[in-house]
Amino acid sequence: MPRRRRLRRRSAPSSASASPARANGRGNPKSPQELSIDGETAESRQYTADIPQLSNLEVWFQRPKDIVRKLQSGDLDLGIVGFDTVSEYGQANEDLVIVHDALEYGACRLSLAIPREGIFENINSLDELAQMPKWTEDRPLRVVTAFTHLGPKFLKEKGLKHVTFSSADGALESYPAMGIADAIVDLVSSGTTLRENNLKEIEGGVVLQSQAVLVASRTSLHTRMGVLEITHEMLERLEAHLRATGEILVTANMRGNSAEEVAERVLSQTSLSGLQGPTVSPVFCRRNGKVTVDYYAINICVPQQLLYKSIQQLRSIGGSGVLVSKLTYIFDEETPRWRKLLTQLGL
């Protein structure tokens, strides 16, 4: 019997991994239900789960950095993890392949922050920070960060010469106030924590933008039976679910002389164009013993924020009996990300 693929996840910050399709992640990932891949666990405290629709895949919940390390060691095949974590711990490892680069959650940025007051009060850009005469070989700019690869690499590329780094994992915002550091390099989402600790970001100080990504082991994709196929299905499901997010299906009945005439009326309204256009179908009923067509059914995908406007426009052209359905998936033509992955793999 072939070994099952593993996919790992955990709560917050979360990780997901899969083997023989194995995956892991960082950020504030959505639940399997939110990703529209139903997961099952016997206990909420367990670190494993199953995805019933993918019978040859096992989910593991792991720490973000362990996901990347296990992908590199071959213990995992797939991972759902923050791009910042892949960049920090993967360090451009060619065996790591980004399968999906925008899972649309866990969005944040890795950024340099300095105090708002004191000697930094009038410093608002990275260039101004670098030009401060205070920084010398004997008294360098002291930066604390958990990103000991990305942080030094970024400031070196920006030309800051007199900088020293120290490593820390938590509550970095307190270090400048304690006099332990002059600046921090840390993940920022809303910036509230920085403001509450009297810190500020500066122009040119963003190291990278990050969100959850699906990453795979190139070796596993090439050599492990079934990994490429499961990766394809996961990618298709994720793409289709993300495309359906915020879209709803509106169905209505409308009197008309023909499907074409009804379609003309529908397409005259700005909110009723659908994905490619409306689907118009005859509604058959019996009248005086004969089957006839008095109405046509209209099916249209519309953005959720335009729902009420769409209903108003349908009513204005004779629509009635409006039904609204939430969409789980919108499968389109084969995703460009899949074709890109095959190209990266030389397949």
Protein backbone atom coordinates (compact mmCIF):
# COMPACT_ATOMS: atom_id res chain seq x y z
CA MET A 1 0.00 0.00 0.00
CA PRO A 2 1.48 3.42 -0.94
CA ARG A 3 2.41 5.73 1.91
CA ARG A 4 -0.13 8.47 2.55
CA ARG A 5 0.73 12.09 1.80
CA ARG A 6 0.92 14.44 4.77
CA LEU A 7 -0.35 17.99 5.10
CA ARG A 8 0.46 19.86 8.33
CA ARG A 9 -1.38 22.74 9.99
CA ARG A 10 -1.60 24.31 13.40
CA SER A 11 -3.53 27.09 15.08
CA ALA A 12 -1.94 30.55 15.35
CA PRO A 13 0.61 31.10 14.08
CA SER A 14 -0.26 28.13 11.98
CA SER A 15 1.37 25.61 9.78
CA ALA A 16 0.14 22.96 7.46
CA SER A 17 1.93 20.06 5.84
CA ALA A 18 1.20 16.94 3.87
CA SER A 19 2.85 13.57 3.12
CA PRO A 20 3.36 11.78 0.74
CA ALA A 21 1.74 14.97 -0.28
CA ARG A 22 2.82 16.86 2.86
CA ALA A 23 2.27 20.58 3.54
CA ASN A 24 2.67 23.26 6.29
CA GLY A 25 2.08 27.09 6.97
CA ARG A 26 2.48 30.39 8.94
CA GLY A 27 0.31 33.41 9.61
CA ASN A 28 -3.30 33.13 10.69
CA PRO A 29 -4.37 30.44 8.27
CA LYS A 30 -7.93 29.64 7.52
CA SER A 31 -9.43 26.42 8.74
CA PRO A 32 -9.75 23.48 6.32
CA GLN A 33 -13.45 24.39 6.05
CA GLU A 34 -12.61 27.98 5.10
CA LEU A 35 -10.28 26.66 2.42
CA SER A 36 -13.18 24.44 1.34
CA ILE A 37 -11.18 21.28 1.90
CA ASP A 38 -13.00 19.53 4.71
CA GLY A 39 -10.61 18.29 7.39
CA GLU A 40 -11.43 15.83 10.16
CA THR A 41 -9.66 15.38 13.50
CA ALA A 42 -10.61 13.16 16.41
CA GLU A 43 -9.59 15.82 18.95
CA SER A 44 -9.13 19.57 18.54
CA ARG A 45 -5.76 19.26 20.31
CA GLN A 46 -4.45 16.66 17.87
CA TYR A 47 -1.70 17.61 15.44
CA THR A 48 -2.93 15.45 12.56
CA ALA A 49 -6.00 15.53 10.35
CA ASP A 50 -7.47 13.98 7.22
CA ILE A 51 -8.97 15.54 4.11
CA PRO A 52 -11.69 13.08 3.04
CA GLN A 53 -11.67 14.24 -0.59
CA LEU A 54 -7.91 13.55 -0.79
CA SER A 55 -7.67 10.03 0.57
CA ASN A 56 -3.92 9.71 0.03
CA LEU A 57 -3.05 12.83 2.00
CA GLU A 58 -2.42 13.30 5.73
CA VAL A 59 -2.44 16.71 7.44
CA TRP A 60 0.09 17.62 10.13
CA PHE A 61 0.01 20.77 12.30
CA GLN A 62 3.54 22.17 12.76
CA ARG A 63 5.48 25.29 13.70
CA PRO A 64 6.08 27.50 10.65
CA LYS A 65 9.86 27.23 10.54
CA ASP A 66 9.68 23.47 11.05
CA ILE A 67 7.56 23.20 7.92
CA VAL A 68 10.31 24.70 5.78
CA ARG A 69 13.01 22.64 7.45
CA LYS A 70 11.04 19.41 6.98
CA LEU A 71 10.39 20.26 3.34
CA GLN A 72 14.13 20.65 2.85
CA SER A 73 14.93 17.44 4.71
CA GLY A 74 12.38 15.43 2.72
CA ASP A 75 10.04 14.73 5.64
CA LEU A 76 7.31 16.78 3.95
CA ASP A 77 6.15 17.10 0.38
CA LEU A 78 3.92 20.19 0.61
CA GLY A 79 3.55 23.09 3.03
CA ILE A 80 1.20 26.00 3.67
CA VAL A 81 3.36 28.66 5.29
CA GLY A 82 4.03 32.39 5.21
CA PHE A 83 6.25 33.64 2.40
CA ASP A 84 8.38 35.38 5.05
CA THR A 85 9.12 32.01 6.65
CA VAL A 86 10.00 30.40 3.32
CA SER A 87 12.33 33.31 2.54
CA GLU A 88 13.99 33.28 5.98
CA TYR A 89 14.51 29.56 6.47
CA GLY A 90 14.55 28.42 2.83
CA GLN A 91 17.17 31.03 1.89
CA ALA A 92 16.64 30.56 -1.87
CA ASN A 93 16.93 26.77 -1.64
CA GLU A 94 16.27 25.58 -5.19
CA ASP A 95 14.46 22.48 -3.93
CA LEU A 96 11.60 24.66 -2.62
CA VAL A 97 9.01 25.54 -5.25
CA ILE A 98 6.21 28.07 -4.66
CA VAL A 99 3.09 26.40 -6.08
CA HIS A 100 0.60 29.13 -5.11
CA ASP A 101 1.96 32.54 -4.12
CA ALA A 102 -1.24 34.23 -2.87
CA LEU A 103 -3.59 32.23 -0.64
CA GLU A 104 -5.11 35.54 0.54
CA TYR A 105 -4.70 35.24 4.29
CA GLY A 106 -1.98 35.99 6.82
CA ALA A 107 -1.08 39.17 4.91
CA CYS A 108 1.71 41.18 6.55
CA ARG A 109 5.04 42.81 5.78
CA LEU A 110 8.52 42.41 7.22
CA SER A 111 9.57 45.94 8.06
CA LEU A 112 12.19 48.05 9.83
CA ALA A 113 10.81 50.20 12.65
CA ILE A 114 12.46 52.89 14.79
CA PRO A 115 11.33 55.04 17.77
CA ARG A 116 9.05 57.99 17.01
CA GLU A 117 10.87 60.34 19.37
CA GLY A 118 14.34 61.27 20.56
CA ILE A 119 17.13 61.18 17.97
CA PHE A 120 14.76 59.53 15.47
CA GLU A 121 11.99 62.13 15.65
CA ASN A 122 12.87 63.67 12.27
CA ILE A 123 14.05 60.44 10.63
CA ASN A 124 11.41 59.29 8.13
CA SER A 125 13.30 57.26 5.54
CA LEU A 126 15.93 54.56 5.34
CA ASP A 127 18.29 56.97 3.57
CA GLU A 128 17.98 59.46 6.43
CA LEU A 129 18.62 56.67 8.94
CA ALA A 130 21.75 55.56 7.07
CA GLN A 131 23.10 59.14 6.94
CA MET A 132 22.89 59.75 10.69
CA PRO A 133 26.45 60.56 11.87
CA LYS A 134 25.80 58.71 15.12
CA TRP A 135 26.47 55.30 13.54
CA THR A 136 30.14 54.38 13.53
CA GLU A 137 32.22 51.24 13.74
CA ASP A 138 32.45 51.74 17.50
CA ARG A 139 28.77 52.65 17.86
CA PRO A 140 26.78 50.83 15.17
CA LEU A 141 23.02 50.87 14.65
CA ARG A 142 21.70 48.07 16.87
CA VAL A 143 18.88 46.06 15.30
CA VAL A 144 16.99 43.22 16.96
CA THR A 145 15.04 40.70 14.88
CA ALA A 146 13.92 37.10 14.58
CA PHE A 147 14.82 37.26 10.88
CA THR A 148 18.58 36.89 11.13
CA HIS A 149 18.96 36.08 7.43
CA LEU A 150 16.56 38.54 5.78
CA GLY A 151 17.29 41.48 8.11
CA PRO A 152 21.08 41.69 7.64
CA LYS A 153 20.76 40.86 3.92
CA PHE A 154 18.29 43.73 3.40
CA LEU A 155 20.31 46.41 5.20
CA LYS A 156 23.53 45.29 3.52
CA GLU A 157 21.85 45.59 0.10
CA LYS A 158 20.64 49.08 1.09
CA GLY A 159 24.20 50.15 1.86
CA LEU A 160 24.04 50.55 5.66
CA LYS A 161 27.58 49.95 6.84
CA HIS A 162 27.66 50.25 10.60
CA VAL A 163 24.96 47.84 11.76
CA THR A 164 24.93 45.03 14.28
CA PHE A 165 22.14 42.48 14.71
CA SER A 166 20.92 40.51 17.70
CA SER A 167 18.35 37.73 17.68
CA ALA A 168 15.10 37.62 19.64
CA ASP A 169 11.76 35.88 19.12
CA GLY A 170 9.12 37.82 21.02
CA ALA A 171 8.05 41.29 22.19
CA LEU A 172 10.62 42.99 19.98
CA GLU A 173 8.71 46.26 20.23
CA SER A 174 9.92 46.67 23.82
CA TYR A 175 13.63 46.49 23.00
CA PRO A 176 14.20 50.12 21.88
CA ALA A 177 12.42 51.46 24.99
CA MET A 178 14.61 49.22 27.15
CA GLY A 179 17.74 50.61 25.48
CA ILE A 180 18.70 47.19 24.13
CA ALA A 181 18.24 48.12 20.46
CA ASP A 182 17.89 51.19 18.23
CA ALA A 183 15.56 49.54 15.72
CA ILE A 184 13.67 46.33 15.06
CA VAL A 185 12.92 44.26 11.96
CA ASP A 186 9.63 42.48 12.52
CA LEU A 187 6.36 41.44 10.92
CA VAL A 188 3.72 44.18 10.72
CA SER A 189 0.09 43.85 9.72
CA SER A 190 -1.99 46.82 10.90
CA GLY A 191 0.86 48.67 12.65
CA THR A 192 -1.15 49.03 15.86
CA THR A 193 1.43 47.26 18.03
CA LEU A 194 4.18 49.54 16.71
CA ARG A 195 2.15 52.67 17.46
CA GLU A 196 1.28 51.45 20.94
CA ASN A 197 5.00 51.03 21.63
CA ASN A 198 5.91 54.44 20.17
CA LEU A 199 7.58 53.00 17.08
CA LYS A 200 7.19 53.91 13.41
CA GLU A 201 7.95 52.44 10.02
CA ILE A 202 10.01 54.53 7.62
CA GLU A 203 10.06 55.00 3.87
CA GLY A 204 12.12 52.32 2.13
CA GLY A 205 12.13 50.11 5.21
CA VAL A 206 9.90 47.26 4.00
CA VAL A 207 11.97 44.11 3.61
CA LEU A 208 9.25 42.05 1.91
CA GLN A 209 5.49 41.61 1.61
CA SER A 210 4.15 38.30 2.87
CA GLN A 211 1.06 36.12 2.95
CA ALA A 212 0.36 32.40 3.08
CA VAL A 213 1.73 30.37 0.17
CA LEU A 214 1.61 26.74 -0.92
CA VAL A 215 5.17 25.47 -1.26
CA ALA A 216 6.43 22.07 -2.40
CA SER A 217 9.58 20.00 -2.43
CA ARG A 218 10.92 19.83 -5.98
CA THR A 219 12.45 16.44 -5.19
CA SER A 220 9.12 15.06 -3.99
CA LEU A 221 7.29 16.37 -7.06
CA HIS A 222 9.81 14.61 -9.31
CA THR A 223 10.33 11.35 -7.44
CA ARG A 224 7.50 10.49 -5.05
CA MET A 225 4.56 8.65 -6.55
CA GLY A 226 1.30 10.61 -6.40
CA VAL A 227 2.73 13.89 -5.06
CA LEU A 228 2.42 15.76 -8.37
CA GLU A 229 -1.17 14.58 -8.83
CA ILE A 230 -2.24 15.61 -5.32
CA THR A 231 -0.47 18.95 -5.73
CA HIS A 232 -2.44 19.52 -8.94
CA GLU A 233 -5.76 18.78 -7.21
CA MET A 234 -4.94 20.96 -4.20
CA LEU A 235 -3.94 23.82 -6.50
CA GLU A 236 -7.15 23.48 -8.53
CA ARG A 237 -9.31 23.43 -5.38
CA LEU A 238 -7.55 26.40 -3.83
CA GLU A 239 -7.72 28.47 -7.02
CA ALA A 240 -11.40 27.65 -7.55
CA HIS A 241 -12.30 28.44 -3.95
CA LEU A 242 -10.38 31.72 -3.94
CA ARG A 243 -12.06 32.74 -7.18
CA ALA A 244 -15.48 31.97 -5.68
CA THR A 245 -14.78 34.08 -2.58
CA GLY A 246 -17.06 37.10 -2.62
CA GLU A 247 -19.10 35.83 -5.59
CA ILE A 248 -22.73 34.70 -5.42
CA LEU A 249 -25.08 33.04 -7.89
CA VAL A 250 -28.29 34.93 -8.62
CA THR A 251 -31.19 33.12 -10.30
CA ALA A 252 -34.36 34.88 -11.47
CA ASN A 253 -37.32 34.31 -13.78
CA MET A 254 -38.18 36.75 -16.55
CA ARG A 255 -40.89 36.92 -19.20
CA GLY A 256 -39.65 37.25 -22.77
CA ASN A 257 -40.23 36.36 -26.40
CA SER A 258 -36.90 34.58 -26.79
CA ALA A 259 -33.71 33.78 -24.93
CA GLU A 260 -31.88 36.34 -27.06
CA GLU A 261 -34.36 39.08 -26.22
CA VAL A 262 -34.07 38.33 -22.49
CA ALA A 263 -30.26 38.27 -22.74
CA GLU A 264 -30.32 41.69 -24.42
CA ARG A 265 -32.27 43.13 -21.49
CA VAL A 266 -29.98 41.53 -18.92
CA LEU A 267 -26.80 42.72 -20.63
CA SER A 268 -28.14 46.26 -20.75
CA GLN A 269 -27.61 46.43 -16.97
CA THR A 270 -24.12 47.22 -15.65
CA SER A 271 -24.19 44.75 -12.73
CA LEU A 272 -25.58 41.76 -14.63
CA SER A 273 -22.78 40.76 -16.99
CA GLY A 274 -21.72 37.68 -14.98
CA LEU A 275 -18.40 35.90 -15.55
CA GLN A 276 -18.73 35.70 -19.33
CA GLY A 277 -22.41 36.63 -19.60
CA PRO A 278 -25.80 35.46 -18.29
CA THR A 279 -27.08 31.92 -18.73
CA VAL A 280 -30.63 32.09 -20.11
CA SER A 281 -32.78 28.92 -20.13
CA PRO A 282 -36.47 28.39 -21.02
CA VAL A 283 -38.88 27.61 -18.18
CA PHE A 284 -41.49 25.14 -19.43
CA CYS A 285 -45.03 25.16 -18.08
CA ARG A 286 -48.36 23.62 -19.12
CA ARG A 287 -51.05 25.97 -20.38
CA ASN A 288 -54.40 24.81 -21.79
CA GLY A 289 -53.03 21.29 -22.00
CA LYS A 290 -49.96 22.33 -23.97
CA VAL A 291 -46.33 22.73 -22.91
CA THR A 292 -45.25 26.29 -23.53
CA VAL A 293 -42.54 28.78 -22.59
CA ASP A 294 -43.69 31.93 -20.82
CA TYR A 295 -40.59 32.58 -18.70
CA TYR A 296 -36.85 32.29 -18.95
CA ALA A 297 -34.52 31.51 -16.05
CA ILE A 298 -31.51 33.77 -15.65
CA ASN A 299 -28.32 32.61 -13.87
CA ILE A 300 -25.66 35.23 -13.17
CA CYS A 301 -22.55 35.37 -10.96
CA VAL A 302 -22.27 38.74 -9.21
CA PRO A 303 -19.91 40.16 -6.57
CA GLN A 304 -21.51 39.96 -3.13
CA GLN A 305 -21.12 43.70 -2.54
CA LEU A 306 -23.26 44.32 -5.65
CA LEU A 307 -26.06 41.94 -4.64
CA TYR A 308 -28.74 44.50 -3.82
CA LYS A 309 -27.88 46.64 -6.85
CA SER A 310 -28.11 43.53 -9.04
CA ILE A 311 -31.53 42.63 -7.63
CA GLN A 312 -32.77 46.16 -8.26
CA GLN A 313 -31.56 45.99 -11.84
CA LEU A 314 -33.18 42.58 -12.36
CA ARG A 315 -36.50 43.92 -11.08
CA SER A 316 -36.24 46.95 -13.35
CA ILE A 317 -36.16 44.69 -16.44
CA GLY A 318 -38.92 42.34 -15.27
CA GLY A 319 -37.06 39.82 -13.12
CA SER A 320 -38.91 38.03 -10.31
CA GLY A 321 -38.55 35.03 -8.00
CA VAL A 322 -34.93 35.90 -7.30
CA LEU A 323 -32.85 33.17 -5.61
CA VAL A 324 -29.38 33.77 -4.16
CA SER A 325 -26.82 30.98 -3.61
CA LYS A 326 -23.35 31.10 -2.09
CA LEU A 327 -20.61 29.69 -4.31
CA THR A 328 -17.92 27.33 -3.01
CA TYR A 329 -15.87 26.83 -6.16
CA ILE A 330 -15.54 28.47 -9.56
CA PHE A 331 -13.46 26.18 -11.76
CA ASP A 332 -12.23 27.95 -14.87
CA GLU A 333 -9.77 26.90 -17.53
CA GLU A 334 -6.62 25.20 -16.27
CA THR A 335 -4.84 27.55 -13.90
CA PRO A 336 -1.73 29.36 -15.23
CA ARG A 337 -0.01 28.49 -11.94
CA TRP A 338 -0.16 24.80 -12.85
CA ARG A 339 1.40 25.43 -16.26
CA LYS A 340 4.06 27.58 -14.59
CA LEU A 341 4.83 24.78 -12.11
CA LEU A 342 5.23 22.22 -14.90
CA THR A 343 7.61 24.60 -16.67
CA GLN A 344 9.65 25.06 -13.48
CA LEU A 345 9.86 21.28 -13.14
CA GLY A 346 10.84 20.81 -16.78
CA LEU A 347 7.75 18.70 -17.47
